[in-house]
Amino acid sequence: MAEFSLNGKKALVAGDSRFWAKYTAAALAEAGADVAIAAKNPQKLQAAAGEVQRLGRKAITITTDVTKAYQVQAAVDRVVGEFGRIDILVNAADLQFAKPFTEIKKEEWQKVMDANLTSVFLCSQTAGREMLKQQKGRIINIASGLAERGLANTTAYCAAMGGVLQFTRALALEWARQGITVNAIGTGWMAETERTGAWQEEQLLRYLPAKRYGHPREIGSLLVYLASDATDFVSGQFMYVDGAIMAHL
């Protein structure tokens, strides 16, 4: 279907504390988009850009701390300057953190909030101003099933993910008449390589109905769908790619 194509679209993938930028950028490029990647890690920037270029699309890399407002503004300005506009924003920062609640320091709490939630606020607000001018845009937040499901020793991370869930819903309502959709992908247990060992086997048996870890590339088709023109009437949704974990509450 032509409406699933991203040909001619301009995307910004913002942040990467894990592995999302490489796979999200590749999925968007495969569907036809040119992609800018804004993140701190030079190796991850280059890996993501390499995937985009391998697929014949234009890539821009911008060294950016997505928790700093002035750096986010500079990144958006550069994307608009080189691409002319921003059609798609993917908020891909994901800083995982686990620690018993009584041992969490305030600065650790703040770091988790800044990486996982403040980055979504800053990037969505800054890129969103450009989308409002266009009266068109797609914002997709990469989050976790822990937005709705608790896990011991991950209070800070769960709280941040819960914030992303409510942020997604509220902003979708606010911009529903502005041609901008805001959705999120809730991921399950993901790994780039197969994991083995007693601990992993226990997790598979206890938590994962599919009895395997997902691969980060498996969010690609849903990401492209949410970024496409096929989803004008899809907004405020938190969709899961999790091997049925959320059905196993």
C-alpha atoms as a PDB file:
ATOM      1  CA  MET A   1       0.000   0.000   0.000  1.00  0.00           C
ATOM      2  CA  ALA A   2       1.340   3.390  -0.989  1.00  0.00           C
ATOM      3  CA  GLU A   3       0.225   5.014   2.257  1.00  0.00           C
ATOM      4  CA  PHE A   4       2.695   2.851   4.188  1.00  0.00           C
ATOM      5  CA  SER A   5       5.616   4.277   2.200  1.00  0.00           C
ATOM      6  CA  LEU A   6       7.842   6.889   3.836  1.00  0.00           C
ATOM      7  CA  ASN A   7       9.331   8.077   0.539  1.00  0.00           C
ATOM      8  CA  GLY A   8      10.229  11.742   0.805  1.00  0.00           C
ATOM      9  CA  LYS A   9       9.718  11.842   4.577  1.00  0.00           C
ATOM     10  CA  LYS A  10      12.309  13.352   6.899  1.00  0.00           C
ATOM     11  CA  ALA A  11      12.851  11.710  10.273  1.00  0.00           C
ATOM     12  CA  LEU A  12      14.748  12.486  13.458  1.00  0.00           C
ATOM     13  CA  VAL A  13      15.738   9.663  15.809  1.00  0.00           C
ATOM     14  CA  ALA A  14      16.626  11.258  19.142  1.00  0.00           C
ATOM     15  CA  GLY A  15      18.719   9.612  21.824  1.00  0.00           C
ATOM     16  CA  ASP A  16      20.104   6.137  22.321  1.00  0.00           C
ATOM     17  CA  SER A  17      21.289   4.780  25.648  1.00  0.00           C
ATOM     18  CA  ARG A  18      20.897   1.202  24.401  1.00  0.00           C
ATOM     19  CA  PHE A  19      20.497   0.003  20.802  1.00  0.00           C
ATOM     20  CA  TRP A  20      17.319   1.576  19.433  1.00  0.00           C
ATOM     21  CA  ALA A  21      18.799   4.181  17.073  1.00  0.00           C
ATOM     22  CA  LYS A  22      20.413   1.638  14.755  1.00  0.00           C
ATOM     23  CA  TYR A  23      17.235  -0.384  14.274  1.00  0.00           C
ATOM     24  CA  THR A  24      14.720   2.453  14.241  1.00  0.00           C
ATOM     25  CA  ALA A  25      16.795   4.419  11.738  1.00  0.00           C
ATOM     26  CA  ALA A  26      17.164   1.343   9.506  1.00  0.00           C
ATOM     27  CA  ALA A  27      13.410   0.634   9.554  1.00  0.00           C
ATOM     28  CA  LEU A  28      12.563   4.218   8.599  1.00  0.00           C
ATOM     29  CA  ALA A  29      15.188   4.287   5.854  1.00  0.00           C
ATOM     30  CA  GLU A  30      14.043   0.967   4.421  1.00  0.00           C
ATOM     31  CA  ALA A  31      10.565   2.464   4.097  1.00  0.00           C
ATOM     32  CA  GLY A  32      12.024   5.436   2.207  1.00  0.00           C
ATOM     33  CA  ALA A  33      12.788   8.160   4.765  1.00  0.00           C
ATOM     34  CA  ASP A  34      15.919  10.238   5.118  1.00  0.00           C
ATOM     35  CA  VAL A  35      17.029  10.045   8.743  1.00  0.00           C
ATOM     36  CA  ALA A  36      18.892  12.290  11.166  1.00  0.00           C
ATOM     37  CA  ILE A  37      20.226  10.703  14.349  1.00  0.00           C
ATOM     38  CA  ALA A  38      20.906  12.799  17.445  1.00  0.00           C
ATOM     39  CA  ALA A  39      22.700  11.020  20.293  1.00  0.00           C
ATOM     40  CA  LYS A  40      25.792  11.238  22.498  1.00  0.00           C
ATOM     41  CA  ASN A  41      27.602   8.038  21.583  1.00  0.00           C
ATOM     42  CA  PRO A  42      29.707   8.478  18.409  1.00  0.00           C
ATOM     43  CA  GLN A  43      29.865   4.732  17.717  1.00  0.00           C
ATOM     44  CA  LYS A  44      26.099   4.362  17.887  1.00  0.00           C
ATOM     45  CA  LEU A  45      25.634   7.446  15.726  1.00  0.00           C
ATOM     46  CA  GLN A  46      27.876   6.037  13.023  1.00  0.00           C
ATOM     47  CA  ALA A  47      26.311   2.574  13.226  1.00  0.00           C
ATOM     48  CA  ALA A  48      22.845   4.045  12.739  1.00  0.00           C
ATOM     49  CA  ALA A  49      23.975   6.322   9.912  1.00  0.00           C
ATOM     50  CA  GLY A  50      25.679   3.398   8.207  1.00  0.00           C
ATOM     51  CA  GLU A  51      22.402   1.462   8.154  1.00  0.00           C
ATOM     52  CA  VAL A  52      20.572   4.423   6.629  1.00  0.00           C
ATOM     53  CA  GLN A  53      23.213   4.939   3.950  1.00  0.00           C
ATOM     54  CA  ARG A  54      23.354   1.218   3.191  1.00  0.00           C
ATOM     55  CA  LEU A  55      19.681   1.451   2.304  1.00  0.00           C
ATOM     56  CA  GLY A  56      20.294   4.356  -0.064  1.00  0.00           C
ATOM     57  CA  ARG A  57      18.881   7.161   2.072  1.00  0.00           C
ATOM     58  CA  LYS A  58      20.499  10.337   3.357  1.00  0.00           C
ATOM     59  CA  ALA A  59      21.768  10.316   6.940  1.00  0.00           C
ATOM     60  CA  ILE A  60      22.744  13.149   9.277  1.00  0.00           C
ATOM     61  CA  THR A  61      24.551  12.507  12.549  1.00  0.00           C
ATOM     62  CA  ILE A  62      24.387  15.106  15.314  1.00  0.00           C
ATOM     63  CA  THR A  63      26.252  14.629  18.582  1.00  0.00           C
ATOM     64  CA  THR A  64      23.575  15.595  21.102  1.00  0.00           C
ATOM     65  CA  ASP A  65      22.751  15.212  24.766  1.00  0.00           C
ATOM     66  CA  VAL A  66      18.967  14.974  24.512  1.00  0.00           C
ATOM     67  CA  THR A  67      18.579  16.018  28.152  1.00  0.00           C
ATOM     68  CA  LYS A  68      19.981  19.488  27.354  1.00  0.00           C
ATOM     69  CA  ALA A  69      17.480  21.948  25.858  1.00  0.00           C
ATOM     70  CA  TYR A  70      20.062  24.004  23.951  1.00  0.00           C
ATOM     71  CA  GLN A  71      21.568  20.901  22.344  1.00  0.00           C
ATOM     72  CA  VAL A  72      18.155  19.603  21.315  1.00  0.00           C
ATOM     73  CA  GLN A  73      17.336  22.984  19.772  1.00  0.00           C
ATOM     74  CA  ALA A  74      20.620  22.949  17.863  1.00  0.00           C
ATOM     75  CA  ALA A  75      19.897  19.448  16.574  1.00  0.00           C
ATOM     76  CA  VAL A  76      16.393  20.351  15.384  1.00  0.00           C
ATOM     77  CA  ASP A  77      17.705  23.526  13.744  1.00  0.00           C
ATOM     78  CA  ARG A  78      20.278  21.522  11.831  1.00  0.00           C
ATOM     79  CA  VAL A  79      17.742  18.932  10.673  1.00  0.00           C
ATOM     80  CA  VAL A  80      15.370  21.633   9.463  1.00  0.00           C
ATOM     81  CA  GLY A  81      18.269  23.459   7.824  1.00  0.00           C
ATOM     82  CA  GLU A  82      19.448  20.378   5.897  1.00  0.00           C
ATOM     83  CA  PHE A  83      16.203  18.464   5.358  1.00  0.00           C
ATOM     84  CA  GLY A  84      13.819  21.405   5.208  1.00  0.00           C
ATOM     85  CA  ARG A  85      11.372  19.935   7.739  1.00  0.00           C
ATOM     86  CA  ILE A  86      10.778  17.156  10.266  1.00  0.00           C
ATOM     87  CA  ASP A  87       7.944  14.754   9.472  1.00  0.00           C
ATOM     88  CA  ILE A  88       8.759  12.042  12.022  1.00  0.00           C
ATOM     89  CA  LEU A  89      10.278  12.170  15.503  1.00  0.00           C
ATOM     90  CA  VAL A  90      11.309   8.967  17.255  1.00  0.00           C
ATOM     91  CA  ASN A  91      12.218   9.414  20.914  1.00  0.00           C
ATOM     92  CA  ALA A  92      14.604   6.511  21.456  1.00  0.00           C
ATOM     93  CA  ALA A  93      16.471   7.297  24.677  1.00  0.00           C
ATOM     94  CA  ASP A  94      16.384   4.410  27.146  1.00  0.00           C
ATOM     95  CA  LEU A  95      18.540   4.429  30.261  1.00  0.00           C
ATOM     96  CA  GLN A  96      17.842   1.316  32.293  1.00  0.00           C
ATOM     97  CA  PHE A  97      18.392   1.438  36.045  1.00  0.00           C
ATOM     98  CA  ALA A  98      17.803  -1.057  38.830  1.00  0.00           C
ATOM     99  CA  LYS A  99      18.442  -0.528  42.536  1.00  0.00           C
ATOM    100  CA  PRO A 100      16.566  -1.131  45.802  1.00  0.00           C
ATOM    101  CA  PHE A 101      14.330   1.879  46.422  1.00  0.00           C
ATOM    102  CA  THR A 102      15.865   2.937  49.743  1.00  0.00           C
ATOM    103  CA  GLU A 103      19.339   2.997  48.164  1.00  0.00           C
ATOM    104  CA  ILE A 104      18.495   5.291  45.244  1.00  0.00           C
ATOM    105  CA  LYS A 105      20.265   8.628  45.465  1.00  0.00           C
ATOM    106  CA  LYS A 106      18.460  11.778  44.376  1.00  0.00           C
ATOM    107  CA  GLU A 107      20.976  12.387  41.597  1.00  0.00           C
ATOM    108  CA  GLU A 108      20.407   8.831  40.312  1.00  0.00           C
ATOM    109  CA  TRP A 109      16.649   9.361  40.315  1.00  0.00           C
ATOM    110  CA  GLN A 110      17.083  12.611  38.412  1.00  0.00           C
ATOM    111  CA  LYS A 111      19.414  11.024  35.880  1.00  0.00           C
ATOM    112  CA  VAL A 112      16.850   8.309  35.103  1.00  0.00           C
ATOM    113  CA  MET A 113      14.058  10.889  34.782  1.00  0.00           C
ATOM    114  CA  ASP A 114      16.140  13.163  32.577  1.00  0.00           C
ATOM    115  CA  ALA A 115      17.247  10.388  30.222  1.00  0.00           C
ATOM    116  CA  ASN A 116      13.895   8.640  29.860  1.00  0.00           C
ATOM    117  CA  LEU A 117      11.264  11.353  30.342  1.00  0.00           C
ATOM    118  CA  THR A 118      12.776  14.845  30.148  1.00  0.00           C
ATOM    119  CA  SER A 119      14.359  13.912  26.812  1.00  0.00           C
ATOM    120  CA  VAL A 120      10.907  13.059  25.444  1.00  0.00           C
ATOM    121  CA  PHE A 121       9.579  16.414  26.645  1.00  0.00           C
ATOM    122  CA  LEU A 122      12.452  18.423  25.156  1.00  0.00           C
ATOM    123  CA  CYS A 123      12.584  16.654  21.795  1.00  0.00           C
ATOM    124  CA  SER A 124       8.816  16.565  21.339  1.00  0.00           C
ATOM    125  CA  GLN A 125       8.420  20.223  22.237  1.00  0.00           C
ATOM    126  CA  THR A 126      11.260  21.415  20.011  1.00  0.00           C
ATOM    127  CA  ALA A 127      10.490  19.234  16.986  1.00  0.00           C
ATOM    128  CA  GLY A 128       6.780  19.680  17.638  1.00  0.00           C
ATOM    129  CA  ARG A 129       7.027  23.424  17.059  1.00  0.00           C
ATOM    130  CA  GLU A 130       8.198  22.646  13.535  1.00  0.00           C
ATOM    131  CA  MET A 131       5.395  20.125  13.053  1.00  0.00           C
ATOM    132  CA  LEU A 132       2.833  22.679  14.200  1.00  0.00           C
ATOM    133  CA  LYS A 133       4.037  25.032  11.475  1.00  0.00           C
ATOM    134  CA  GLN A 134       3.507  22.231   8.963  1.00  0.00           C
ATOM    135  CA  GLN A 135       0.193  21.111  10.546  1.00  0.00           C
ATOM    136  CA  LYS A 136       1.496  17.563  10.116  1.00  0.00           C
ATOM    137  CA  GLY A 137       3.785  15.224  12.008  1.00  0.00           C
ATOM    138  CA  ARG A 138       4.339  11.902  13.684  1.00  0.00           C
ATOM    139  CA  ILE A 139       5.844  11.444  17.157  1.00  0.00           C
ATOM    140  CA  ILE A 140       6.646   7.902  18.286  1.00  0.00           C
ATOM    141  CA  ASN A 141       8.045   7.254  21.756  1.00  0.00           C
ATOM    142  CA  ILE A 142       9.991   4.052  22.363  1.00  0.00           C
ATOM    143  CA  ALA A 143       9.181   2.961  25.904  1.00  0.00           C
ATOM    144  CA  SER A 144       8.747  -0.189  27.987  1.00  0.00           C
ATOM    145  CA  GLY A 145       6.004  -2.427  29.284  1.00  0.00           C
ATOM    146  CA  LEU A 146       7.156  -1.269  32.706  1.00  0.00           C
ATOM    147  CA  ALA A 147       5.098   1.848  32.035  1.00  0.00           C
ATOM    148  CA  GLU A 148       2.137  -0.252  33.178  1.00  0.00           C
ATOM    149  CA  ARG A 149       3.693  -3.242  34.889  1.00  0.00           C
ATOM    150  CA  GLY A 150       5.828  -2.930  38.008  1.00  0.00           C
ATOM    151  CA  LEU A 151       9.096  -4.725  38.696  1.00  0.00           C
ATOM    152  CA  ALA A 152      10.928  -4.863  42.001  1.00  0.00           C
ATOM    153  CA  ASN A 153      14.054  -2.721  42.331  1.00  0.00           C
ATOM    154  CA  THR A 154      13.169  -0.612  39.267  1.00  0.00           C
ATOM    155  CA  THR A 155      11.006   2.104  40.861  1.00  0.00           C
ATOM    156  CA  ALA A 156      12.783   5.000  39.153  1.00  0.00           C
ATOM    157  CA  TYR A 157      12.708   3.386  35.714  1.00  0.00           C
ATOM    158  CA  CYS A 158       9.049   2.325  36.051  1.00  0.00           C
ATOM    159  CA  ALA A 159       8.098   5.835  37.158  1.00  0.00           C
ATOM    160  CA  ALA A 160       9.839   7.356  34.147  1.00  0.00           C
ATOM    161  CA  MET A 161       8.176   4.916  31.744  1.00  0.00           C
ATOM    162  CA  GLY A 162       4.798   5.603  33.327  1.00  0.00           C
ATOM    163  CA  GLY A 163       5.464   9.275  32.657  1.00  0.00           C
ATOM    164  CA  VAL A 164       6.094   8.522  28.978  1.00  0.00           C
ATOM    165  CA  LEU A 165       2.761   6.674  28.789  1.00  0.00           C
ATOM    166  CA  GLN A 166       0.789   9.604  30.199  1.00  0.00           C
ATOM    167  CA  PHE A 167       2.825  12.113  28.199  1.00  0.00           C
ATOM    168  CA  THR A 168       1.891  10.240  25.027  1.00  0.00           C
ATOM    169  CA  ARG A 169      -1.812  10.267  25.816  1.00  0.00           C
ATOM    170  CA  ALA A 170      -1.979  13.893  26.944  1.00  0.00           C
ATOM    171  CA  LEU A 171       0.004  15.330  24.042  1.00  0.00           C
ATOM    172  CA  ALA A 172      -2.020  13.279  21.555  1.00  0.00           C
ATOM    173  CA  LEU A 173      -5.145  14.974  22.868  1.00  0.00           C
ATOM    174  CA  GLU A 174      -3.584  18.428  22.788  1.00  0.00           C
ATOM    175  CA  TRP A 175      -2.427  18.146  19.166  1.00  0.00           C
ATOM    176  CA  ALA A 176      -5.252  15.974  17.788  1.00  0.00           C
ATOM    177  CA  ARG A 177      -6.573  18.843  15.633  1.00  0.00           C
ATOM    178  CA  GLN A 178      -3.136  19.982  14.500  1.00  0.00           C
ATOM    179  CA  GLY A 179      -2.385  17.057  12.177  1.00  0.00           C
ATOM    180  CA  ILE A 180       0.116  15.573  14.636  1.00  0.00           C
ATOM    181  CA  THR A 181      -0.209  12.065  16.021  1.00  0.00           C
ATOM    182  CA  VAL A 182       1.582  10.939  19.179  1.00  0.00           C
ATOM    183  CA  ASN A 183       1.955   7.239  19.910  1.00  0.00           C
ATOM    184  CA  ALA A 184       4.286   4.943  21.802  1.00  0.00           C
ATOM    185  CA  ILE A 185       5.713   1.468  21.384  1.00  0.00           C
ATOM    186  CA  GLY A 186       6.009  -0.515  24.591  1.00  0.00           C
ATOM    187  CA  THR A 187       8.798  -3.039  24.287  1.00  0.00           C
ATOM    188  CA  GLY A 188       9.246  -6.291  26.110  1.00  0.00           C
ATOM    189  CA  TRP A 189      12.510  -8.036  26.949  1.00  0.00           C
ATOM    190  CA  MET A 190      14.822  -7.313  24.027  1.00  0.00           C
ATOM    191  CA  ALA A 191      18.357  -8.410  23.202  1.00  0.00           C
ATOM    192  CA  GLU A 192      20.605  -8.027  20.159  1.00  0.00           C
ATOM    193  CA  THR A 193      22.196 -11.440  20.690  1.00  0.00           C
ATOM    194  CA  GLU A 194      20.873 -14.683  22.113  1.00  0.00           C
ATOM    195  CA  ARG A 195      21.217 -14.896  25.883  1.00  0.00           C
ATOM    196  CA  THR A 196      21.971 -18.124  27.663  1.00  0.00           C
ATOM    197  CA  GLY A 197      22.461 -19.135  31.268  1.00  0.00           C
ATOM    198  CA  ALA A 198      20.449 -20.119  34.325  1.00  0.00           C
ATOM    199  CA  TRP A 199      19.186 -16.584  35.055  1.00  0.00           C
ATOM    200  CA  GLN A 200      18.015 -16.103  31.472  1.00  0.00           C
ATOM    201  CA  GLU A 201      16.274 -19.474  31.455  1.00  0.00           C
ATOM    202  CA  GLU A 202      14.450 -18.553  34.661  1.00  0.00           C
ATOM    203  CA  GLN A 203      13.252 -15.268  33.140  1.00  0.00           C
ATOM    204  CA  LEU A 204      12.053 -17.026  30.000  1.00  0.00           C
ATOM    205  CA  LEU A 205      10.023 -19.497  32.041  1.00  0.00           C
ATOM    206  CA  ARG A 206       8.607 -16.975  34.520  1.00  0.00           C
ATOM    207  CA  TYR A 207       7.912 -13.896  32.407  1.00  0.00           C
ATOM    208  CA  LEU A 208       8.049 -14.543  28.663  1.00  0.00           C
ATOM    209  CA  PRO A 209       5.126 -16.458  27.147  1.00  0.00           C
ATOM    210  CA  ALA A 210       6.937 -16.561  23.784  1.00  0.00           C
ATOM    211  CA  LYS A 211       9.856 -18.260  25.576  1.00  0.00           C
ATOM    212  CA  ARG A 212      12.419 -16.062  23.843  1.00  0.00           C
ATOM    213  CA  TYR A 213      13.783 -12.559  23.956  1.00  0.00           C
ATOM    214  CA  GLY A 214      12.671 -10.181  21.245  1.00  0.00           C
ATOM    215  CA  HIS A 215      15.131  -8.563  18.862  1.00  0.00           C
ATOM    216  CA  PRO A 216      15.093  -4.752  18.619  1.00  0.00           C
ATOM    217  CA  ARG A 217      14.519  -4.956  14.856  1.00  0.00           C
ATOM    218  CA  GLU A 218      11.096  -6.481  15.612  1.00  0.00           C
ATOM    219  CA  ILE A 219       9.615  -3.089  16.432  1.00  0.00           C
ATOM    220  CA  GLY A 220      10.451  -1.870  12.895  1.00  0.00           C
ATOM    221  CA  SER A 221       7.193  -2.713  11.137  1.00  0.00           C
ATOM    222  CA  LEU A 222       5.057  -1.122  13.857  1.00  0.00           C
ATOM    223  CA  LEU A 223       7.312   1.931  13.893  1.00  0.00           C
ATOM    224  CA  VAL A 224       6.919   2.401  10.134  1.00  0.00           C
ATOM    225  CA  TYR A 225       3.159   1.974  10.422  1.00  0.00           C
ATOM    226  CA  LEU A 226       2.917   4.653  13.115  1.00  0.00           C
ATOM    227  CA  ALA A 227       5.169   6.973  11.090  1.00  0.00           C
ATOM    228  CA  SER A 228       3.165   6.555   7.896  1.00  0.00           C
ATOM    229  CA  ASP A 229       0.213   8.394   6.380  1.00  0.00           C
ATOM    230  CA  ALA A 230      -1.923   5.337   7.170  1.00  0.00           C
ATOM    231  CA  THR A 231      -2.246   6.434  10.792  1.00  0.00           C
ATOM    232  CA  ASP A 232      -3.960   9.817  10.593  1.00  0.00           C
ATOM    233  CA  PHE A 233      -6.672   8.419  12.882  1.00  0.00           C
ATOM    234  CA  VAL A 234      -4.326   6.569  15.276  1.00  0.00           C
ATOM    235  CA  SER A 235      -3.080   8.670  18.169  1.00  0.00           C
ATOM    236  CA  GLY A 236      -2.597   8.449  21.917  1.00  0.00           C
ATOM    237  CA  GLN A 237      -1.925   4.707  21.674  1.00  0.00           C
ATOM    238  CA  PHE A 238       0.606   2.651  23.596  1.00  0.00           C
ATOM    239  CA  MET A 239       1.178  -0.467  21.475  1.00  0.00           C
ATOM    240  CA  TYR A 240       3.182  -3.452  22.658  1.00  0.00           C
ATOM    241  CA  VAL A 241       5.822  -5.575  20.962  1.00  0.00           C
ATOM    242  CA  ASP A 242       6.488  -7.926  23.837  1.00  0.00           C
ATOM    243  CA  GLY A 243       5.857 -11.587  23.056  1.00  0.00           C
ATOM    244  CA  ALA A 244       2.568 -11.444  25.013  1.00  0.00           C
ATOM    245  CA  ILE A 245       4.108 -10.348  28.326  1.00  0.00           C
ATOM    246  CA  MET A 246       1.368  -7.773  28.969  1.00  0.00           C
ATOM    247  CA  ALA A 247      -1.284 -10.415  28.348  1.00  0.00           C
ATOM    248  CA  HIS A 248       0.320 -12.468  31.111  1.00  0.00           C
ATOM    249  CA  LEU A 249      -0.363 -10.105  33.995  1.00  0.00           C
END
